[in-house]
Amino acid sequence: SIDVTIKLSGENIDAIIQTFERYNYKIKYSFNSNKESVSKIEENYQSLMSYLNV
């Protein structure tokens, strides 16, 4: 098997992922760094730290 890494600078990569899947490529990992996702991750992290009392 051949692994390929592609780094894209865009907020919405869903259409690109769908194109790869349409041609039967397997996507192992994808990361989307839009502001809404980062905000939710930060909120979850703060909740965890509060729960752990750190």
Foldseek 3Di string as FASTA:
>chain_A
DDDDDDDDPDQDCPVVVVVCVVVPDDDPDDDHDDPVVVVVVVVVVVVVCVVVVD
